[in-house]
Amino acid sequence: MFSLSTILLAVANVAIAKMGAGIGAGVAVIGAGIGIGKIGGSAMDAIARQPEAVGDIRSNMVLAAALVEGAAFFAIVVCLLILFV
């Protein structure tokens, strides 16, 4: 037979997991935003220094931003799995 304390402990663990998943998703999005901002800023500096290399810099910037977004989406999916599983 389950006692009331066991049920309350289980509910508290679920609440903590949901709160952790929300915080984790928020940190992933903030980290991705900072990373993409640094990529964009560095690309603008590089374009200002070498305007003839715009195409190469832009393609590398897009590739790096896509990798950062992919890592952020992976982190968000993991947080959602923690939330629902």
PDB file of N, CA and C in Angstrom:
ATOM      1  N   MET A   1       0.838  -1.175   0.000  1.00  0.00           N
ATOM      2  CA  MET A   1       0.000   0.000   0.000  1.00  0.00           C
ATOM      3  C   MET A   1       0.881   1.236   0.000  1.00  0.00           C
ATOM      4  N   PHE A   2       0.539   2.166  -0.847  1.00  0.00           N
ATOM      5  CA  PHE A   2       1.294   3.416  -0.915  1.00  0.00           C
ATOM      6  C   PHE A   2       0.850   4.351   0.203  1.00  0.00           C
ATOM      7  N   SER A   3       1.817   4.938   0.815  1.00  0.00           N
ATOM      8  CA  SER A   3       1.475   5.919   1.830  1.00  0.00           C
ATOM      9  C   SER A   3       1.429   7.300   1.195  1.00  0.00           C
ATOM     10  N   LEU A   4       0.915   8.255   1.907  1.00  0.00           N
ATOM     11  CA  LEU A   4       0.791   9.618   1.400  1.00  0.00           C
ATOM     12  C   LEU A   4       2.152  10.234   1.136  1.00  0.00           C
ATOM     13  N   SER A   5       3.126   9.921   1.971  1.00  0.00           N
ATOM     14  CA  SER A   5       4.464  10.487   1.780  1.00  0.00           C
ATOM     15  C   SER A   5       5.111   9.961   0.502  1.00  0.00           C
ATOM     16  N   THR A   6       4.872   8.709   0.157  1.00  0.00           N
ATOM     17  CA  THR A   6       5.409   8.148  -1.077  1.00  0.00           C
ATOM     18  C   THR A   6       4.799   8.830  -2.288  1.00  0.00           C
ATOM     19  N   ILE A   7       3.508   9.066  -2.260  1.00  0.00           N
ATOM     20  CA  ILE A   7       2.820   9.738  -3.368  1.00  0.00           C
ATOM     21  C   ILE A   7       3.307  11.177  -3.498  1.00  0.00           C
ATOM     22  N   LEU A   8       3.443  11.885  -2.379  1.00  0.00           N
ATOM     23  CA  LEU A   8       3.925  13.262  -2.424  1.00  0.00           C
ATOM     24  C   LEU A   8       5.356  13.335  -2.931  1.00  0.00           C
ATOM     25  N   LEU A   9       6.186  12.370  -2.564  1.00  0.00           N
ATOM     26  CA  LEU A   9       7.564  12.335  -3.044  1.00  0.00           C
ATOM     27  C   LEU A   9       7.609  12.111  -4.551  1.00  0.00           C
ATOM     28  N   ALA A  10       6.752  11.228  -5.063  1.00  0.00           N
ATOM     29  CA  ALA A  10       6.703  10.982  -6.501  1.00  0.00           C
ATOM     30  C   ALA A  10       6.244  12.229  -7.261  1.00  0.00           C
ATOM     31  N   VAL A  11       5.256  12.929  -6.730  1.00  0.00           N
ATOM     32  CA  VAL A  11       4.768  14.159  -7.367  1.00  0.00           C
ATOM     33  C   VAL A  11       5.848  15.234  -7.340  1.00  0.00           C
ATOM     34  N   ALA A  12       6.578  15.332  -6.247  1.00  0.00           N
ATOM     35  CA  ALA A  12       7.652  16.327  -6.145  1.00  0.00           C
ATOM     36  C   ALA A  12       8.766  16.023  -7.131  1.00  0.00           C
ATOM     37  N   ASN A  13       9.100  14.745  -7.319  1.00  0.00           N
ATOM     38  CA  ASN A  13      10.137  14.373  -8.284  1.00  0.00           C
ATOM     39  C   ASN A  13       9.714  14.725  -9.702  1.00  0.00           C
ATOM     40  N   VAL A  14       8.446  14.534 -10.031  1.00  0.00           N
ATOM     41  CA  VAL A  14       7.953  14.887 -11.357  1.00  0.00           C
ATOM     42  C   VAL A  14       8.006  16.398 -11.548  1.00  0.00           C
ATOM     43  N   ALA A  15       7.639  17.149 -10.524  1.00  0.00           N
ATOM     44  CA  ALA A  15       7.677  18.609 -10.620  1.00  0.00           C
ATOM     45  C   ALA A  15       9.101  19.103 -10.793  1.00  0.00           C
ATOM     46  N   ILE A  16      10.045  18.500 -10.090  1.00  0.00           N
ATOM     47  CA  ILE A  16      11.448  18.893 -10.222  1.00  0.00           C
ATOM     48  C   ILE A  16      11.956  18.560 -11.612  1.00  0.00           C
ATOM     49  N   ALA A  17      11.564  17.408 -12.170  1.00  0.00           N
ATOM     50  CA  ALA A  17      11.994  17.032 -13.516  1.00  0.00           C
ATOM     51  C   ALA A  17      11.434  18.004 -14.549  1.00  0.00           C
ATOM     52  N   LYS A  18      10.178  18.413 -14.380  1.00  0.00           N
ATOM     53  CA  LYS A  18       9.586  19.365 -15.319  1.00  0.00           C
ATOM     54  C   LYS A  18      10.276  20.717 -15.225  1.00  0.00           C
ATOM     55  N   MET A  19      10.584  21.144 -14.014  1.00  0.00           N
ATOM     56  CA  MET A  19      11.270  22.415 -13.842  1.00  0.00           C
ATOM     57  C   MET A  19      12.676  22.340 -14.437  1.00  0.00           C
ATOM     58  N   GLY A  20      13.358  21.235 -14.244  1.00  0.00           N
ATOM     59  CA  GLY A  20      14.693  21.058 -14.817  1.00  0.00           C
ATOM     60  C   GLY A  20      14.668  21.030 -16.326  1.00  0.00           C
ATOM     61  N   ALA A  21      13.642  20.412 -16.900  1.00  0.00           N
ATOM     62  CA  ALA A  21      13.521  20.374 -18.357  1.00  0.00           C
ATOM     63  C   ALA A  21      13.278  21.772 -18.916  1.00  0.00           C
ATOM     64  N   GLY A  22      12.456  22.544 -18.235  1.00  0.00           N
ATOM     65  CA  GLY A  22      12.210  23.918 -18.689  1.00  0.00           C
ATOM     66  C   GLY A  22      13.445  24.783 -18.595  1.00  0.00           C
ATOM     67  N   ILE A  23      14.172  24.658 -17.503  1.00  0.00           N
ATOM     68  CA  ILE A  23      15.403  25.436 -17.345  1.00  0.00           C
ATOM     69  C   ILE A  23      16.443  25.000 -18.374  1.00  0.00           C
ATOM     70  N   GLY A  24      16.533  23.707 -18.606  1.00  0.00           N
ATOM     71  CA  GLY A  24      17.488  23.200 -19.597  1.00  0.00           C
ATOM     72  C   GLY A  24      17.190  23.698 -21.000  1.00  0.00           C
ATOM     73  N   ALA A  25      15.914  23.715 -21.373  1.00  0.00           N
ATOM     74  CA  ALA A  25      15.540  24.222 -22.688  1.00  0.00           C
ATOM     75  C   ALA A  25      15.855  25.712 -22.805  1.00  0.00           C
ATOM     76  N   GLY A  26      15.607  26.458 -21.737  1.00  0.00           N
ATOM     77  CA  GLY A  26      15.911  27.884 -21.752  1.00  0.00           C
ATOM     78  C   GLY A  26      17.400  28.155 -21.884  1.00  0.00           C
ATOM     79  N   VAL A  27      18.210  27.397 -21.167  1.00  0.00           N
ATOM     80  CA  VAL A  27      19.661  27.567 -21.253  1.00  0.00           C
ATOM     81  C   VAL A  27      20.158  27.207 -22.648  1.00  0.00           C
ATOM     82  N   ALA A  28      19.586  26.167 -23.260  1.00  0.00           N
ATOM     83  CA  ALA A  28      19.990  25.775 -24.616  1.00  0.00           C
ATOM     84  C   ALA A  28      19.686  26.885 -25.614  1.00  0.00           C
ATOM     85  N   VAL A  29      18.522  27.489 -25.491  1.00  0.00           N
ATOM     86  CA  VAL A  29      18.150  28.564 -26.422  1.00  0.00           C
ATOM     87  C   VAL A  29      19.018  29.799 -26.201  1.00  0.00           C
ATOM     88  N   ILE A  30      19.283  30.135 -24.955  1.00  0.00           N
ATOM     89  CA  ILE A  30      20.138  31.295 -24.665  1.00  0.00           C
ATOM     90  C   ILE A  30      21.552  31.046 -25.193  1.00  0.00           C
ATOM     91  N   GLY A  31      22.070  29.863 -24.982  1.00  0.00           N
ATOM     92  CA  GLY A  31      23.402  29.531 -25.486  1.00  0.00           C
ATOM     93  C   GLY A  31      23.486  29.586 -26.996  1.00  0.00           C
ATOM     94  N   ALA A  32      22.447  29.087 -27.665  1.00  0.00           N
ATOM     95  CA  ALA A  32      22.434  29.138 -29.126  1.00  0.00           C
ATOM     96  C   ALA A  32      22.359  30.577 -29.615  1.00  0.00           C
ATOM     97  N   GLY A  33      21.580  31.403 -28.944  1.00  0.00           N
ATOM     98  CA  GLY A  33      21.489  32.815 -29.330  1.00  0.00           C
ATOM     99  C   GLY A  33      22.816  33.529 -29.179  1.00  0.00           C
ATOM    100  N   ILE A  34      23.511  33.275 -28.097  1.00  0.00           N
ATOM    101  CA  ILE A  34      24.825  33.880 -27.893  1.00  0.00           C
ATOM    102  C   ILE A  34      25.811  33.382 -28.948  1.00  0.00           C
ATOM    103  N   GLY A  35      25.775  32.088 -29.225  1.00  0.00           N
ATOM    104  CA  GLY A  35      26.690  31.521 -30.216  1.00  0.00           C
ATOM    105  C   GLY A  35      26.465  32.078 -31.607  1.00  0.00           C
ATOM    106  N   ILE A  36      25.222  32.166 -32.024  1.00  0.00           N
ATOM    107  CA  ILE A  36      24.922  32.695 -33.350  1.00  0.00           C
ATOM    108  C   ILE A  36      25.255  34.183 -33.416  1.00  0.00           C
ATOM    109  N   GLY A  37      25.049  34.908 -32.320  1.00  0.00           N
ATOM    110  CA  GLY A  37      25.429  36.317 -32.287  1.00  0.00           C
ATOM    111  C   GLY A  37      26.926  36.508 -32.451  1.00  0.00           C
ATOM    112  N   LYS A  38      27.707  35.656 -31.782  1.00  0.00           N
ATOM    113  CA  LYS A  38      29.162  35.748 -31.917  1.00  0.00           C
ATOM    114  C   LYS A  38      29.599  35.378 -33.338  1.00  0.00           C
ATOM    115  N   ILE A  39      28.945  34.396 -33.934  1.00  0.00           N
ATOM    116  CA  ILE A  39      29.275  34.006 -35.300  1.00  0.00           C
ATOM    117  C   ILE A  39      29.002  35.162 -36.257  1.00  0.00           C
ATOM    118  N   GLY A  40      27.830  35.780 -36.109  1.00  0.00           N
ATOM    119  CA  GLY A  40      27.473  36.904 -36.980  1.00  0.00           C
ATOM    120  C   GLY A  40      28.397  38.092 -36.803  1.00  0.00           C
ATOM    121  N   GLY A  41      28.730  38.421 -35.560  1.00  0.00           N
ATOM    122  CA  GLY A  41      29.626  39.541 -35.297  1.00  0.00           C
ATOM    123  C   GLY A  41      31.015  39.306 -35.860  1.00  0.00           C
ATOM    124  N   SER A  42      31.518  38.095 -35.678  1.00  0.00           N
ATOM    125  CA  SER A  42      32.840  37.773 -36.210  1.00  0.00           C
ATOM    126  C   SER A  42      32.832  37.775 -37.733  1.00  0.00           C
ATOM    127  N   ALA A  43      31.745  37.325 -38.317  1.00  0.00           N
ATOM    128  CA  ALA A  43      31.655  37.341 -39.784  1.00  0.00           C
ATOM    129  C   ALA A  43      31.619  38.770 -40.310  1.00  0.00           C
ATOM    130  N   MET A  44      30.929  39.661 -39.622  1.00  0.00           N
ATOM    131  CA  MET A  44      30.909  41.062 -40.055  1.00  0.00           C
ATOM    132  C   MET A  44      32.294  41.697 -39.934  1.00  0.00           C
ATOM    133  N   ASP A  45      33.030  41.361 -38.874  1.00  0.00           N
ATOM    134  CA  ASP A  45      34.400  41.856 -38.746  1.00  0.00           C
ATOM    135  C   ASP A  45      35.275  41.338 -39.880  1.00  0.00           C
ATOM    136  N   ALA A  46      35.120  40.056 -40.197  1.00  0.00           N
ATOM    137  CA  ALA A  46      35.931  39.473 -41.267  1.00  0.00           C
ATOM    138  C   ALA A  46      35.585  40.084 -42.620  1.00  0.00           C
ATOM    139  N   ILE A  47      34.310  40.341 -42.877  1.00  0.00           N
ATOM    140  CA  ILE A  47      33.902  40.956 -44.140  1.00  0.00           C
ATOM    141  C   ILE A  47      34.429  42.382 -44.230  1.00  0.00           C
ATOM    142  N   ALA A  48      34.440  43.089 -43.101  1.00  0.00           N
ATOM    143  CA  ALA A  48      34.968  44.455 -43.096  1.00  0.00           C
ATOM    144  C   ALA A  48      36.465  44.466 -43.392  1.00  0.00           C
ATOM    145  N   ARG A  49      37.176  43.442 -42.969  1.00  0.00           N
ATOM    146  CA  ARG A  49      38.616  43.393 -43.205  1.00  0.00           C
ATOM    147  C   ARG A  49      38.956  42.910 -44.604  1.00  0.00           C
ATOM    148  N   GLN A  50      38.148  41.974 -45.128  1.00  0.00           N
ATOM    149  CA  GLN A  50      38.409  41.433 -46.467  1.00  0.00           C
ATOM    150  C   GLN A  50      37.103  41.367 -47.247  1.00  0.00           C
ATOM    151  N   PRO A  51      36.696  42.470 -47.854  1.00  0.00           N
ATOM    152  CA  PRO A  51      35.413  42.487 -48.576  1.00  0.00           C
ATOM    153  C   PRO A  51      35.368  41.545 -49.775  1.00  0.00           C
ATOM    154  N   GLU A  52      36.526  41.194 -50.311  1.00  0.00           N
ATOM    155  CA  GLU A  52      36.531  40.306 -51.479  1.00  0.00           C
ATOM    156  C   GLU A  52      36.208  38.855 -51.113  1.00  0.00           C
ATOM    157  N   ALA A  53      36.229  38.515 -49.835  1.00  0.00           N
ATOM    158  CA  ALA A  53      35.964  37.139 -49.401  1.00  0.00           C
ATOM    159  C   ALA A  53      34.563  36.973 -48.836  1.00  0.00           C
ATOM    160  N   VAL A  54      33.621  37.802 -49.290  1.00  0.00           N
ATOM    161  CA  VAL A  54      32.261  37.776 -48.740  1.00  0.00           C
ATOM    162  C   VAL A  54      31.604  36.411 -48.933  1.00  0.00           C
ATOM    163  N   GLY A  55      31.730  35.828 -50.095  1.00  0.00           N
ATOM    164  CA  GLY A  55      31.068  34.556 -50.382  1.00  0.00           C
ATOM    165  C   GLY A  55      31.542  33.427 -49.477  1.00  0.00           C
ATOM    166  N   ASP A  56      32.864  33.322 -49.334  1.00  0.00           N
ATOM    167  CA  ASP A  56      33.413  32.264 -48.486  1.00  0.00           C
ATOM    168  C   ASP A  56      33.033  32.471 -47.017  1.00  0.00           C
ATOM    169  N   ILE A  57      33.117  33.712 -46.564  1.00  0.00           N
ATOM    170  CA  ILE A  57      32.788  34.007 -45.166  1.00  0.00           C
ATOM    171  C   ILE A  57      31.319  33.719 -44.897  1.00  0.00           C
ATOM    172  N   ARG A  58      30.449  34.128 -45.821  1.00  0.00           N
ATOM    173  CA  ARG A  58      29.015  33.913 -45.630  1.00  0.00           C
ATOM    174  C   ARG A  58      28.679  32.425 -45.588  1.00  0.00           C
ATOM    175  N   SER A  59      29.273  31.640 -46.497  1.00  0.00           N
ATOM    176  CA  SER A  59      28.955  30.210 -46.505  1.00  0.00           C
ATOM    177  C   SER A  59      29.443  29.525 -45.230  1.00  0.00           C
ATOM    178  N   ASN A  60      30.624  29.909 -44.756  1.00  0.00           N
ATOM    179  CA  ASN A  60      31.115  29.334 -43.499  1.00  0.00           C
ATOM    180  C   ASN A  60      30.278  29.787 -42.316  1.00  0.00           C
ATOM    181  N   MET A  61      29.796  31.032 -42.347  1.00  0.00           N
ATOM    182  CA  MET A  61      28.951  31.539 -41.269  1.00  0.00           C
ATOM    183  C   MET A  61      27.628  30.771 -41.218  1.00  0.00           C
ATOM    184  N   VAL A  62      27.034  30.535 -42.366  1.00  0.00           N
ATOM    185  CA  VAL A  62      25.764  29.804 -42.408  1.00  0.00           C
ATOM    186  C   VAL A  62      25.954  28.369 -41.920  1.00  0.00           C
ATOM    187  N   LEU A  63      27.054  27.743 -42.309  1.00  0.00           N
ATOM    188  CA  LEU A  63      27.330  26.379 -41.860  1.00  0.00           C
ATOM    189  C   LEU A  63      27.516  26.326 -40.346  1.00  0.00           C
ATOM    190  N   ALA A  64      28.274  27.256 -39.798  1.00  0.00           N
ATOM    191  CA  ALA A  64      28.496  27.274 -38.354  1.00  0.00           C
ATOM    192  C   ALA A  64      27.202  27.568 -37.596  1.00  0.00           C
ATOM    193  N   ALA A  65      26.384  28.492 -38.108  1.00  0.00           N
ATOM    194  CA  ALA A  65      25.111  28.802 -37.456  1.00  0.00           C
ATOM    195  C   ALA A  65      24.177  27.594 -37.495  1.00  0.00           C
ATOM    196  N   ALA A  66      24.189  26.851 -38.593  1.00  0.00           N
ATOM    197  CA  ALA A  66      23.351  25.654 -38.690  1.00  0.00           C
ATOM    198  C   ALA A  66      23.790  24.600 -37.672  1.00  0.00           C
ATOM    199  N   LEU A  67      25.094  24.457 -37.472  1.00  0.00           N
ATOM    200  CA  LEU A  67      25.571  23.493 -36.485  1.00  0.00           C
ATOM    201  C   LEU A  67      25.179  23.902 -35.062  1.00  0.00           C
ATOM    202  N   VAL A  68      25.243  25.195 -34.774  1.00  0.00           N
ATOM    203  CA  VAL A  68      24.829  25.677 -33.441  1.00  0.00           C
ATOM    204  C   VAL A  68      23.341  25.440 -33.243  1.00  0.00           C
ATOM    205  N   GLU A  69      22.541  25.745 -34.246  1.00  0.00           N
ATOM    206  CA  GLU A  69      21.094  25.521 -34.130  1.00  0.00           C
ATOM    207  C   GLU A  69      20.774  24.042 -33.987  1.00  0.00           C
ATOM    208  N   GLY A  70      21.506  23.201 -34.685  1.00  0.00           N
ATOM    209  CA  GLY A  70      21.289  21.759 -34.554  1.00  0.00           C
ATOM    210  C   GLY A  70      21.558  21.267 -33.147  1.00  0.00           C
ATOM    211  N   ALA A  71      22.624  21.767 -32.548  1.00  0.00           N
ATOM    212  CA  ALA A  71      22.931  21.382 -31.171  1.00  0.00           C
ATOM    213  C   ALA A  71      21.853  21.896 -30.214  1.00  0.00           C
ATOM    214  N   ALA A  72      21.347  23.105 -30.468  1.00  0.00           N
ATOM    215  CA  ALA A  72      20.286  23.657 -29.612  1.00  0.00           C
ATOM    216  C   ALA A  72      18.997  22.847 -29.748  1.00  0.00           C
ATOM    217  N   PHE A  73      18.647  22.475 -30.977  1.00  0.00           N
ATOM    218  CA  PHE A  73      17.439  21.667 -31.169  1.00  0.00           C
ATOM    219  C   PHE A  73      17.581  20.310 -30.494  1.00  0.00           C
ATOM    220  N   PHE A  74      18.774  19.728 -30.560  1.00  0.00           N
ATOM    221  CA  PHE A  74      19.010  18.455 -29.891  1.00  0.00           C
ATOM    222  C   PHE A  74      18.813  18.603 -28.387  1.00  0.00           C
ATOM    223  N   ALA A  75      19.328  19.681 -27.815  1.00  0.00           N
ATOM    224  CA  ALA A  75      19.171  19.912 -26.374  1.00  0.00           C
ATOM    225  C   ALA A  75      17.705  20.099 -26.003  1.00  0.00           C
ATOM    226  N   ILE A  76      16.958  20.806 -26.837  1.00  0.00           N
ATOM    227  CA  ILE A  76      15.535  21.017 -26.561  1.00  0.00           C
ATOM    228  C   ILE A  76      14.767  19.703 -26.642  1.00  0.00           C
ATOM    229  N   VAL A  77      15.108  18.860 -27.614  1.00  0.00           N
ATOM    230  CA  VAL A  77      14.441  17.561 -27.735  1.00  0.00           C
ATOM    231  C   VAL A  77      14.740  16.692 -26.517  1.00  0.00           C
ATOM    232  N   VAL A  78      15.977  16.717 -26.043  1.00  0.00           N
ATOM    233  CA  VAL A  78      16.310  15.962 -24.839  1.00  0.00           C
ATOM    234  C   VAL A  78      15.505  16.454 -23.647  1.00  0.00           C
ATOM    235  N   CYS A  79      15.361  17.771 -23.532  1.00  0.00           N
ATOM    236  CA  CYS A  79      14.549  18.334 -22.438  1.00  0.00           C
ATOM    237  C   CYS A  79      13.094  17.910 -22.566  1.00  0.00           C
ATOM    238  N   LEU A  80      12.570  17.896 -23.779  1.00  0.00           N
ATOM    239  CA  LEU A  80      11.195  17.434 -23.965  1.00  0.00           C
ATOM    240  C   LEU A  80      11.045  15.955 -23.647  1.00  0.00           C
ATOM    241  N   LEU A  81      12.041  15.159 -23.975  1.00  0.00           N
ATOM    242  CA  LEU A  81      11.983  13.742 -23.604  1.00  0.00           C
ATOM    243  C   LEU A  81      11.996  13.570 -22.087  1.00  0.00           C
ATOM    244  N   ILE A  82      12.782  14.379 -21.402  1.00  0.00           N
ATOM    245  CA  ILE A  82      12.782  14.324 -19.941  1.00  0.00           C
ATOM    246  C   ILE A  82      11.400  14.704 -19.419  1.00  0.00           C
ATOM    247  N   LEU A  83      10.788  15.672 -20.079  1.00  0.00           N
ATOM    248  CA  LEU A  83       9.502  16.172 -19.628  1.00  0.00           C
ATOM    249  C   LEU A  83       8.394  15.139 -19.778  1.00  0.00           C
ATOM    250  N   PHE A  84       8.371  14.415 -20.895  1.00  0.00           N
ATOM    251  CA  PHE A  84       7.253  13.527 -21.188  1.00  0.00           C
ATOM    252  C   PHE A  84       7.529  12.053 -20.951  1.00  0.00           C
ATOM    253  N   VAL A  85       8.755  11.689 -20.691  1.00  0.00           N
ATOM    254  CA  VAL A  85       9.053  10.252 -20.507  1.00  0.00           C
ATOM    255  C   VAL A  85       9.393   9.969 -19.075  1.00  0.00           C
TER     256      VAL A  85
END
